[in-house]
Amino acid sequence: MVAAVDTDGDGFISIEEFGAMLDDGESDAMRMAFEEYDENGDEMITTEELCRALRRVLLDEILTVEKCAEMIAGVDKDGDGVISFDEFKAKTATKSS
């Protein structure tokens, strides 16, 4: 395990190597979260995909397509009407800071 993270080969994990390992883990976790919404795997979360995903976890709350479109618009930086992984990652990073 150490060898996989020890990029300079000194037999130890430096703070930089440890940080890089954590960053990789965050990217993997973020990718998995994104894929939960991106049902068809086209690298975009549509209004319909967001609504379906949120309805699965918010069973008692009524979510309209309009409300989901508002959520998309709040994250959609390039205005194409969908959330790309980069937009998702940027919003997630902003939220956790």
PDB file of N, CA and C in Angstrom:
ATOM      1  N   MET A   1       0.822  -1.180   0.000  1.00  0.00           N
ATOM      2  CA  MET A   1       0.000   0.000   0.000  1.00  0.00           C
ATOM      3  C   MET A   1       0.877   1.259   0.000  1.00  0.00           C
ATOM      4  N   VAL A   2       1.924   1.235   0.822  1.00  0.00           N
ATOM      5  CA  VAL A   2       2.823   2.385   0.869  1.00  0.00           C
ATOM      6  C   VAL A   2       3.458   2.617  -0.494  1.00  0.00           C
ATOM      7  N   ALA A   3       3.874   1.544  -1.143  1.00  0.00           N
ATOM      8  CA  ALA A   3       4.533   1.670  -2.447  1.00  0.00           C
ATOM      9  C   ALA A   3       3.629   2.337  -3.477  1.00  0.00           C
ATOM     10  N   ALA A   4       2.348   2.108  -3.395  1.00  0.00           N
ATOM     11  CA  ALA A   4       1.418   2.696  -4.361  1.00  0.00           C
ATOM     12  C   ALA A   4       1.313   4.213  -4.201  1.00  0.00           C
ATOM     13  N   VAL A   5       1.529   4.710  -2.997  1.00  0.00           N
ATOM     14  CA  VAL A   5       1.401   6.132  -2.710  1.00  0.00           C
ATOM     15  C   VAL A   5       2.756   6.830  -2.689  1.00  0.00           C
ATOM     16  N   ASP A   6       3.822   6.073  -2.403  1.00  0.00           N
ATOM     17  CA  ASP A   6       5.183   6.608  -2.260  1.00  0.00           C
ATOM     18  C   ASP A   6       5.778   6.915  -3.627  1.00  0.00           C
ATOM     19  N   THR A   7       5.436   8.078  -4.173  1.00  0.00           N
ATOM     20  CA  THR A   7       5.842   8.413  -5.538  1.00  0.00           C
ATOM     21  C   THR A   7       7.326   8.692  -5.675  1.00  0.00           C
ATOM     22  N   ASP A   8       8.012   9.113  -4.591  1.00  0.00           N
ATOM     23  CA  ASP A   8       9.448   9.376  -4.700  1.00  0.00           C
ATOM     24  C   ASP A   8      10.302   8.170  -4.320  1.00  0.00           C
ATOM     25  N   GLY A   9       9.671   7.075  -3.901  1.00  0.00           N
ATOM     26  CA  GLY A   9      10.379   5.820  -3.646  1.00  0.00           C
ATOM     27  C   GLY A   9      11.273   5.795  -2.425  1.00  0.00           C
ATOM     28  N   ASP A  10      11.044   6.693  -1.452  1.00  0.00           N
ATOM     29  CA  ASP A  10      11.907   6.720  -0.272  1.00  0.00           C
ATOM     30  C   ASP A  10      11.434   5.788   0.845  1.00  0.00           C
ATOM     31  N   GLY A  11      10.327   5.091   0.625  1.00  0.00           N
ATOM     32  CA  GLY A  11       9.833   4.144   1.625  1.00  0.00           C
ATOM     33  C   GLY A  11       8.905   4.765   2.650  1.00  0.00           C
ATOM     34  N   PHE A  12       8.655   6.052   2.526  1.00  0.00           N
ATOM     35  CA  PHE A  12       7.786   6.770   3.445  1.00  0.00           C
ATOM     36  C   PHE A  12       6.727   7.541   2.655  1.00  0.00           C
ATOM     37  N   ILE A  13       5.639   7.859   3.331  1.00  0.00           N
ATOM     38  CA  ILE A  13       4.601   8.681   2.712  1.00  0.00           C
ATOM     39  C   ILE A  13       4.737  10.094   3.272  1.00  0.00           C
ATOM     40  N   SER A  14       5.136  11.021   2.416  1.00  0.00           N
ATOM     41  CA  SER A  14       5.256  12.418   2.832  1.00  0.00           C
ATOM     42  C   SER A  14       3.870  13.038   2.930  1.00  0.00           C
ATOM     43  N   ILE A  15       3.807  14.214   3.513  1.00  0.00           N
ATOM     44  CA  ILE A  15       2.527  14.909   3.627  1.00  0.00           C
ATOM     45  C   ILE A  15       1.958  15.222   2.241  1.00  0.00           C
ATOM     46  N   GLU A  16       2.841  15.533   1.290  1.00  0.00           N
ATOM     47  CA  GLU A  16       2.388  15.805  -0.077  1.00  0.00           C
ATOM     48  C   GLU A  16       1.801  14.549  -0.720  1.00  0.00           C
ATOM     49  N   GLU A  17       2.489  13.411  -0.528  1.00  0.00           N
ATOM     50  CA  GLU A  17       1.997  12.145  -1.084  1.00  0.00           C
ATOM     51  C   GLU A  17       0.677  11.745  -0.414  1.00  0.00           C
ATOM     52  N   PHE A  18       0.576  11.989   0.885  1.00  0.00           N
ATOM     53  CA  PHE A  18      -0.649  11.680   1.617  1.00  0.00           C
ATOM     54  C   PHE A  18      -1.792  12.552   1.101  1.00  0.00           C
ATOM     55  N   GLY A  19      -1.510  13.850   0.905  1.00  0.00           N
ATOM     56  CA  GLY A  19      -2.527  14.762   0.369  1.00  0.00           C
ATOM     57  C   GLY A  19      -2.997  14.343  -1.010  1.00  0.00           C
ATOM     58  N   ALA A  20      -2.040  13.921  -1.858  1.00  0.00           N
ATOM     59  CA  ALA A  20      -2.402  13.464  -3.210  1.00  0.00           C
ATOM     60  C   ALA A  20      -3.293  12.232  -3.129  1.00  0.00           C
ATOM     61  N   MET A  21      -3.003  11.343  -2.181  1.00  0.00           N
ATOM     62  CA  MET A  21      -3.820  10.140  -2.002  1.00  0.00           C
ATOM     63  C   MET A  21      -5.242  10.534  -1.605  1.00  0.00           C
ATOM     64  N   LEU A  22      -5.373  11.489  -0.696  1.00  0.00           N
ATOM     65  CA  LEU A  22      -6.704  11.938  -0.274  1.00  0.00           C
ATOM     66  C   LEU A  22      -7.440  12.607  -1.411  1.00  0.00           C
ATOM     67  N   ASP A  23      -6.731  13.427  -2.188  1.00  0.00           N
ATOM     68  CA  ASP A  23      -7.366  14.078  -3.337  1.00  0.00           C
ATOM     69  C   ASP A  23      -7.911  13.053  -4.312  1.00  0.00           C
ATOM     70  N   ASP A  24      -7.132  11.991  -4.566  1.00  0.00           N
ATOM     71  CA  ASP A  24      -7.602  10.929  -5.462  1.00  0.00           C
ATOM     72  C   ASP A  24      -8.862  10.283  -4.911  1.00  0.00           C
ATOM     73  N   GLY A  25      -8.901  10.048  -3.598  1.00  0.00           N
ATOM     74  CA  GLY A  25     -10.079   9.454  -2.972  1.00  0.00           C
ATOM     75  C   GLY A  25     -11.287  10.347  -3.088  1.00  0.00           C
ATOM     76  N   GLU A  26     -11.086  11.660  -2.916  1.00  0.00           N
ATOM     77  CA  GLU A  26     -12.193  12.596  -3.048  1.00  0.00           C
ATOM     78  C   GLU A  26     -12.715  12.603  -4.472  1.00  0.00           C
ATOM     79  N   SER A  27     -11.807  12.563  -5.439  1.00  0.00           N
ATOM     80  CA  SER A  27     -12.221  12.552  -6.840  1.00  0.00           C
ATOM     81  C   SER A  27     -13.047  11.303  -7.136  1.00  0.00           C
ATOM     82  N   ASP A  28     -12.601  10.168  -6.618  1.00  0.00           N
ATOM     83  CA  ASP A  28     -13.344   8.923  -6.825  1.00  0.00           C
ATOM     84  C   ASP A  28     -14.728   9.003  -6.192  1.00  0.00           C
ATOM     85  N   ALA A  29     -14.790   9.524  -4.979  1.00  0.00           N
ATOM     86  CA  ALA A  29     -16.075   9.637  -4.289  1.00  0.00           C
ATOM     87  C   ALA A  29     -16.986  10.616  -5.021  1.00  0.00           C
ATOM     88  N   MET A  30     -16.394  11.715  -5.497  1.00  0.00           N
ATOM     89  CA  MET A  30     -17.183  12.694  -6.234  1.00  0.00           C
ATOM     90  C   MET A  30     -17.706  12.109  -7.543  1.00  0.00           C
ATOM     91  N   ARG A  31     -16.857  11.341  -8.220  1.00  0.00           N
ATOM     92  CA  ARG A  31     -17.258  10.713  -9.481  1.00  0.00           C
ATOM     93  C   ARG A  31     -18.414   9.746  -9.226  1.00  0.00           C
ATOM     94  N   MET A  32     -18.309   8.963  -8.147  1.00  0.00           N
ATOM     95  CA  MET A  32     -19.375   8.008  -7.823  1.00  0.00           C
ATOM     96  C   MET A  32     -20.684   8.739  -7.518  1.00  0.00           C
ATOM     97  N   ALA A  33     -20.593   9.851  -6.788  1.00  0.00           N
ATOM     98  CA  ALA A  33     -21.790  10.631  -6.479  1.00  0.00           C
ATOM     99  C   ALA A  33     -22.406  11.186  -7.756  1.00  0.00           C
ATOM    100  N   PHE A  34     -21.563  11.709  -8.645  1.00  0.00           N
ATOM    101  CA  PHE A  34     -22.044  12.244  -9.921  1.00  0.00           C
ATOM    102  C   PHE A  34     -22.761  11.157 -10.714  1.00  0.00           C
ATOM    103  N   GLU A  35     -22.194   9.969 -10.739  1.00  0.00           N
ATOM    104  CA  GLU A  35     -22.769   8.864 -11.509  1.00  0.00           C
ATOM    105  C   GLU A  35     -24.118   8.409 -10.964  1.00  0.00           C
ATOM    106  N   GLU A  36     -24.376   8.679  -9.689  1.00  0.00           N
ATOM    107  CA  GLU A  36     -25.689   8.360  -9.119  1.00  0.00           C
ATOM    108  C   GLU A  36     -26.785   9.188  -9.791  1.00  0.00           C
ATOM    109  N   TYR A  37     -26.450  10.376 -10.221  1.00  0.00           N
ATOM    110  CA  TYR A  37     -27.406  11.258 -10.888  1.00  0.00           C
ATOM    111  C   TYR A  37     -27.413  11.053 -12.400  1.00  0.00           C
ATOM    112  N   ASP A  38     -26.247  10.791 -12.976  1.00  0.00           N
ATOM    113  CA  ASP A  38     -26.093  10.650 -14.434  1.00  0.00           C
ATOM    114  C   ASP A  38     -26.506   9.239 -14.854  1.00  0.00           C
ATOM    115  N   GLU A  39     -27.797   9.021 -14.980  1.00  0.00           N
ATOM    116  CA  GLU A  39     -28.338   7.679 -15.219  1.00  0.00           C
ATOM    117  C   GLU A  39     -27.867   7.041 -16.520  1.00  0.00           C
ATOM    118  N   ASN A  40     -27.733   7.816 -17.580  1.00  0.00           N
ATOM    119  CA  ASN A  40     -27.392   7.221 -18.876  1.00  0.00           C
ATOM    120  C   ASN A  40     -25.901   7.270 -19.189  1.00  0.00           C
ATOM    121  N   GLY A  41     -25.096   7.819 -18.267  1.00  0.00           N
ATOM    122  CA  GLY A  41     -23.650   7.801 -18.433  1.00  0.00           C
ATOM    123  C   GLY A  41     -23.118   8.735 -19.506  1.00  0.00           C
ATOM    124  N   ASP A  42     -23.886   9.779 -19.841  1.00  0.00           N
ATOM    125  CA  ASP A  42     -23.436  10.692 -20.902  1.00  0.00           C
ATOM    126  C   ASP A  42     -22.612  11.869 -20.370  1.00  0.00           C
ATOM    127  N   GLU A  43     -22.228  11.797 -19.088  1.00  0.00           N
ATOM    128  CA  GLU A  43     -21.415  12.835 -18.451  1.00  0.00           C
ATOM    129  C   GLU A  43     -22.162  14.141 -18.222  1.00  0.00           C
ATOM    130  N   MET A  44     -23.481  14.102 -18.234  1.00  0.00           N
ATOM    131  CA  MET A  44     -24.317  15.269 -17.976  1.00  0.00           C
ATOM    132  C   MET A  44     -25.494  14.857 -17.094  1.00  0.00           C
ATOM    133  N   ILE A  45     -25.843  15.711 -16.158  1.00  0.00           N
ATOM    134  CA  ILE A  45     -27.030  15.487 -15.339  1.00  0.00           C
ATOM    135  C   ILE A  45     -28.125  16.401 -15.880  1.00  0.00           C
ATOM    136  N   THR A  46     -29.183  15.794 -16.388  1.00  0.00           N
ATOM    137  CA  THR A  46     -30.304  16.566 -16.926  1.00  0.00           C
ATOM    138  C   THR A  46     -31.305  16.863 -15.812  1.00  0.00           C
ATOM    139  N   THR A  47     -32.239  17.742 -16.112  1.00  0.00           N
ATOM    140  CA  THR A  47     -33.306  18.060 -15.163  1.00  0.00           C
ATOM    141  C   THR A  47     -34.068  16.789 -14.790  1.00  0.00           C
ATOM    142  N   GLU A  48     -34.373  15.971 -15.776  1.00  0.00           N
ATOM    143  CA  GLU A  48     -35.138  14.743 -15.532  1.00  0.00           C
ATOM    144  C   GLU A  48     -34.350  13.771 -14.653  1.00  0.00           C
ATOM    145  N   GLU A  49     -33.048  13.620 -14.923  1.00  0.00           N
ATOM    146  CA  GLU A  49     -32.219  12.722 -14.104  1.00  0.00           C
ATOM    147  C   GLU A  49     -32.141  13.225 -12.665  1.00  0.00           C
ATOM    148  N   LEU A  50     -31.990  14.534 -12.500  1.00  0.00           N
ATOM    149  CA  LEU A  50     -31.935  15.103 -11.153  1.00  0.00           C
ATOM    150  C   LEU A  50     -33.243  14.849 -10.413  1.00  0.00           C
ATOM    151  N   CYS A  51     -34.364  15.085 -11.075  1.00  0.00           N
ATOM    152  CA  CYS A  51     -35.674  14.851 -10.444  1.00  0.00           C
ATOM    153  C   CYS A  51     -35.836  13.396 -10.006  1.00  0.00           C
ATOM    154  N   ARG A  52     -35.503  12.474 -10.891  1.00  0.00           N
ATOM    155  CA  ARG A  52     -35.648  11.051 -10.551  1.00  0.00           C
ATOM    156  C   ARG A  52     -34.747  10.670  -9.379  1.00  0.00           C
ATOM    157  N   ALA A  53     -33.514  11.150  -9.376  1.00  0.00           N
ATOM    158  CA  ALA A  53     -32.573  10.817  -8.303  1.00  0.00           C
ATOM    159  C   ALA A  53     -33.038  11.399  -6.974  1.00  0.00           C
ATOM    160  N   LEU A  54     -33.483  12.639  -6.988  1.00  0.00           N
ATOM    161  CA  LEU A  54     -33.935  13.264  -5.748  1.00  0.00           C
ATOM    162  C   LEU A  54     -35.231  12.649  -5.239  1.00  0.00           C
ATOM    163  N   ARG A  55     -36.093  12.242  -6.142  1.00  0.00           N
ATOM    164  CA  ARG A  55     -37.336  11.592  -5.719  1.00  0.00           C
ATOM    165  C   ARG A  55     -37.059  10.260  -5.022  1.00  0.00           C
ATOM    166  N   ARG A  56     -35.970   9.596  -5.407  1.00  0.00           N
ATOM    167  CA  ARG A  56     -35.612   8.329  -4.748  1.00  0.00           C
ATOM    168  C   ARG A  56     -35.262   8.547  -3.283  1.00  0.00           C
ATOM    169  N   VAL A  57     -34.634   9.664  -2.954  1.00  0.00           N
ATOM    170  CA  VAL A  57     -34.210   9.897  -1.572  1.00  0.00           C
ATOM    171  C   VAL A  57     -35.156  10.799  -0.798  1.00  0.00           C
ATOM    172  N   LEU A  58     -35.929  11.598  -1.469  1.00  0.00           N
ATOM    173  CA  LEU A  58     -36.864  12.515  -0.815  1.00  0.00           C
ATOM    174  C   LEU A  58     -38.288  12.047  -1.081  1.00  0.00           C
ATOM    175  N   LEU A  59     -38.608  10.880  -0.591  1.00  0.00           N
ATOM    176  CA  LEU A  59     -39.874  10.225  -0.924  1.00  0.00           C
ATOM    177  C   LEU A  59     -41.095  11.062  -0.574  1.00  0.00           C
ATOM    178  N   ASP A  60     -41.053  11.782   0.532  1.00  0.00           N
ATOM    179  CA  ASP A  60     -42.235  12.522   0.975  1.00  0.00           C
ATOM    180  C   ASP A  60     -42.359  13.901   0.347  1.00  0.00           C
ATOM    181  N   GLU A  61     -41.281  14.397  -0.227  1.00  0.00           N
ATOM    182  CA  GLU A  61     -41.292  15.759  -0.765  1.00  0.00           C
ATOM    183  C   GLU A  61     -41.665  15.733  -2.246  1.00  0.00           C
ATOM    184  N   ILE A  62     -42.551  16.616  -2.630  1.00  0.00           N
ATOM    185  CA  ILE A  62     -42.954  16.734  -4.026  1.00  0.00           C
ATOM    186  C   ILE A  62     -41.939  17.617  -4.745  1.00  0.00           C
ATOM    187  N   LEU A  63     -41.294  17.063  -5.764  1.00  0.00           N
ATOM    188  CA  LEU A  63     -40.334  17.814  -6.563  1.00  0.00           C
ATOM    189  C   LEU A  63     -40.888  17.985  -7.963  1.00  0.00           C
ATOM    190  N   THR A  64     -41.048  19.204  -8.351  1.00  0.00           N
ATOM    191  CA  THR A  64     -41.529  19.473  -9.700  1.00  0.00           C
ATOM    192  C   THR A  64     -40.338  19.575 -10.652  1.00  0.00           C
ATOM    193  N   VAL A  65     -40.615  19.423 -11.926  1.00  0.00           N
ATOM    194  CA  VAL A  65     -39.583  19.592 -12.941  1.00  0.00           C
ATOM    195  C   VAL A  65     -39.048  21.022 -12.883  1.00  0.00           C
ATOM    196  N   GLU A  66     -39.926  21.968 -12.612  1.00  0.00           N
ATOM    197  CA  GLU A  66     -39.510  23.368 -12.526  1.00  0.00           C
ATOM    198  C   GLU A  66     -38.515  23.581 -11.396  1.00  0.00           C
ATOM    199  N   LYS A  67     -38.767  22.956 -10.241  1.00  0.00           N
ATOM    200  CA  LYS A  67     -37.851  23.077  -9.096  1.00  0.00           C
ATOM    201  C   LYS A  67     -36.500  22.448  -9.441  1.00  0.00           C
ATOM    202  N   CYS A  68     -36.514  21.307 -10.095  1.00  0.00           N
ATOM    203  CA  CYS A  68     -35.266  20.662 -10.503  1.00  0.00           C
ATOM    204  C   CYS A  68     -34.521  21.519 -11.523  1.00  0.00           C
ATOM    205  N   ALA A  69     -35.257  22.161 -12.427  1.00  0.00           N
ATOM    206  CA  ALA A  69     -34.627  23.049 -13.410  1.00  0.00           C
ATOM    207  C   ALA A  69     -33.962  24.239 -12.714  1.00  0.00           C
ATOM    208  N   GLU A  70     -34.570  24.748 -11.649  1.00  0.00           N
ATOM    209  CA  GLU A  70     -33.969  25.825 -10.870  1.00  0.00           C
ATOM    210  C   GLU A  70     -32.661  25.353 -10.228  1.00  0.00           C
ATOM    211  N   MET A  71     -32.675  24.128  -9.711  1.00  0.00           N
ATOM    212  CA  MET A  71     -31.464  23.566  -9.099  1.00  0.00           C
ATOM    213  C   MET A  71     -30.351  23.432 -10.134  1.00  0.00           C
ATOM    214  N   ILE A  72     -30.721  22.933 -11.321  1.00  0.00           N
ATOM    215  CA  ILE A  72     -29.746  22.802 -12.407  1.00  0.00           C
ATOM    216  C   ILE A  72     -29.171  24.171 -12.750  1.00  0.00           C
ATOM    217  N   ALA A  73     -30.028  25.163 -12.895  1.00  0.00           N
ATOM    218  CA  ALA A  73     -29.588  26.508 -13.270  1.00  0.00           C
ATOM    219  C   ALA A  73     -28.623  27.094 -12.244  1.00  0.00           C
ATOM    220  N   GLY A  74     -28.792  26.736 -10.982  1.00  0.00           N
ATOM    221  CA  GLY A  74     -27.912  27.242  -9.937  1.00  0.00           C
ATOM    222  C   GLY A  74     -26.497  26.706 -10.009  1.00  0.00           C
ATOM    223  N   VAL A  75     -26.302  25.602 -10.713  1.00  0.00           N
ATOM    224  CA  VAL A  75     -24.987  24.966 -10.825  1.00  0.00           C
ATOM    225  C   VAL A  75     -24.426  25.075 -12.237  1.00  0.00           C
ATOM    226  N   ASP A  76     -25.290  25.231 -13.207  1.00  0.00           N
ATOM    227  CA  ASP A  76     -24.940  25.226 -14.632  1.00  0.00           C
ATOM    228  C   ASP A  76     -24.225  26.521 -15.027  1.00  0.00           C
ATOM    229  N   LYS A  77     -22.898  26.509 -14.979  1.00  0.00           N
ATOM    230  CA  LYS A  77     -22.114  27.715 -15.246  1.00  0.00           C
ATOM    231  C   LYS A  77     -22.072  28.096 -16.722  1.00  0.00           C
ATOM    232  N   ASP A  78     -22.128  27.120 -17.626  1.00  0.00           N
ATOM    233  CA  ASP A  78     -22.019  27.450 -19.052  1.00  0.00           C
ATOM    234  C   ASP A  78     -23.378  27.632 -19.733  1.00  0.00           C
ATOM    235  N   GLY A  79     -24.463  27.468 -18.981  1.00  0.00           N
ATOM    236  CA  GLY A  79     -25.787  27.759 -19.508  1.00  0.00           C
ATOM    237  C   GLY A  79     -26.337  26.774 -20.519  1.00  0.00           C
ATOM    238  N   ASP A  80     -25.807  25.533 -20.537  1.00  0.00           N
ATOM    239  CA  ASP A  80     -26.295  24.567 -21.522  1.00  0.00           C
ATOM    240  C   ASP A  80     -27.481  23.746 -21.014  1.00  0.00           C
ATOM    241  N   GLY A  81     -27.933  24.028 -19.796  1.00  0.00           N
ATOM    242  CA  GLY A  81     -29.128  23.363 -19.275  1.00  0.00           C
ATOM    243  C   GLY A  81     -28.882  22.038 -18.589  1.00  0.00           C
ATOM    244  N   VAL A  82     -27.626  21.622 -18.462  1.00  0.00           N
ATOM    245  CA  VAL A  82     -27.271  20.383 -17.777  1.00  0.00           C
ATOM    246  C   VAL A  82     -26.072  20.651 -16.871  1.00  0.00           C
ATOM    247  N   ILE A  83     -25.804  19.710 -15.962  1.00  0.00           N
ATOM    248  CA  ILE A  83     -24.649  19.821 -15.077  1.00  0.00           C
ATOM    249  C   ILE A  83     -23.583  18.845 -15.543  1.00  0.00           C
ATOM    250  N   SER A  84     -22.430  19.367 -15.910  1.00  0.00           N
ATOM    251  CA  SER A  84     -21.295  18.514 -16.273  1.00  0.00           C
ATOM    252  C   SER A  84     -20.579  18.079 -14.994  1.00  0.00           C
ATOM    253  N   PHE A  85     -19.671  17.117 -15.114  1.00  0.00           N
ATOM    254  CA  PHE A  85     -18.918  16.686 -13.942  1.00  0.00           C
ATOM    255  C   PHE A  85     -18.107  17.840 -13.374  1.00  0.00           C
ATOM    256  N   ASP A  86     -17.498  18.664 -14.222  1.00  0.00           N
ATOM    257  CA  ASP A  86     -16.706  19.799 -13.743  1.00  0.00           C
ATOM    258  C   ASP A  86     -17.569  20.786 -12.952  1.00  0.00           C
ATOM    259  N   GLU A  87     -18.774  21.050 -13.419  1.00  0.00           N
ATOM    260  CA  GLU A  87     -19.687  21.930 -12.689  1.00  0.00           C
ATOM    261  C   GLU A  87     -20.107  21.296 -11.369  1.00  0.00           C
ATOM    262  N   PHE A  88     -20.372  19.999 -11.390  1.00  0.00           N
ATOM    263  CA  PHE A  88     -20.749  19.263 -10.189  1.00  0.00           C
ATOM    264  C   PHE A  88     -19.614  19.312  -9.169  1.00  0.00           C
ATOM    265  N   LYS A  89     -18.387  19.060  -9.641  1.00  0.00           N
ATOM    266  CA  LYS A  89     -17.222  19.042  -8.775  1.00  0.00           C
ATOM    267  C   LYS A  89     -16.970  20.434  -8.191  1.00  0.00           C
ATOM    268  N   ALA A  90     -17.096  21.469  -9.000  1.00  0.00           N
ATOM    269  CA  ALA A  90     -16.877  22.842  -8.526  1.00  0.00           C
ATOM    270  C   ALA A  90     -17.907  23.218  -7.468  1.00  0.00           C
ATOM    271  N   LYS A  91     -19.160  22.848  -7.686  1.00  0.00           N
ATOM    272  CA  LYS A  91     -20.220  23.164  -6.717  1.00  0.00           C
ATOM    273  C   LYS A  91     -20.010  22.386  -5.435  1.00  0.00           C
ATOM    274  N   THR A  92     -19.610  21.125  -5.536  1.00  0.00           N
ATOM    275  CA  THR A  92     -19.374  20.303  -4.370  1.00  0.00           C
ATOM    276  C   THR A  92     -18.199  20.838  -3.570  1.00  0.00           C
ATOM    277  N   ALA A  93     -17.133  21.261  -4.241  1.00  0.00           N
ATOM    278  CA  ALA A  93     -15.963  21.812  -3.567  1.00  0.00           C
ATOM    279  C   ALA A  93     -16.314  23.114  -2.864  1.00  0.00           C
ATOM    280  N   THR A  94     -17.133  23.948  -3.490  1.00  0.00           N
ATOM    281  CA  THR A  94     -17.557  25.209  -2.900  1.00  0.00           C
ATOM    282  C   THR A  94     -18.401  24.957  -1.661  1.00  0.00           C
ATOM    283  N   LYS A  95     -19.256  23.964  -1.735  1.00  0.00           N
ATOM    284  CA  LYS A  95     -20.164  23.643  -0.638  1.00  0.00           C
ATOM    285  C   LYS A  95     -19.412  23.125   0.582  1.00  0.00           C
ATOM    286  N   SER A  96     -18.326  22.355   0.360  1.00  0.00           N
ATOM    287  CA  SER A  96     -17.594  21.763   1.468  1.00  0.00           C
ATOM    288  C   SER A  96     -16.575  22.709   2.079  1.00  0.00           C
ATOM    289  N   SER A  97     -16.308  23.875   1.442  1.00  0.00           N
ATOM    290  CA  SER A  97     -15.343  24.835   1.997  1.00  0.00           C
ATOM    291  C   SER A  97     -15.953  25.716   3.042  1.00  0.00           C
TER     292      SER A  97
END
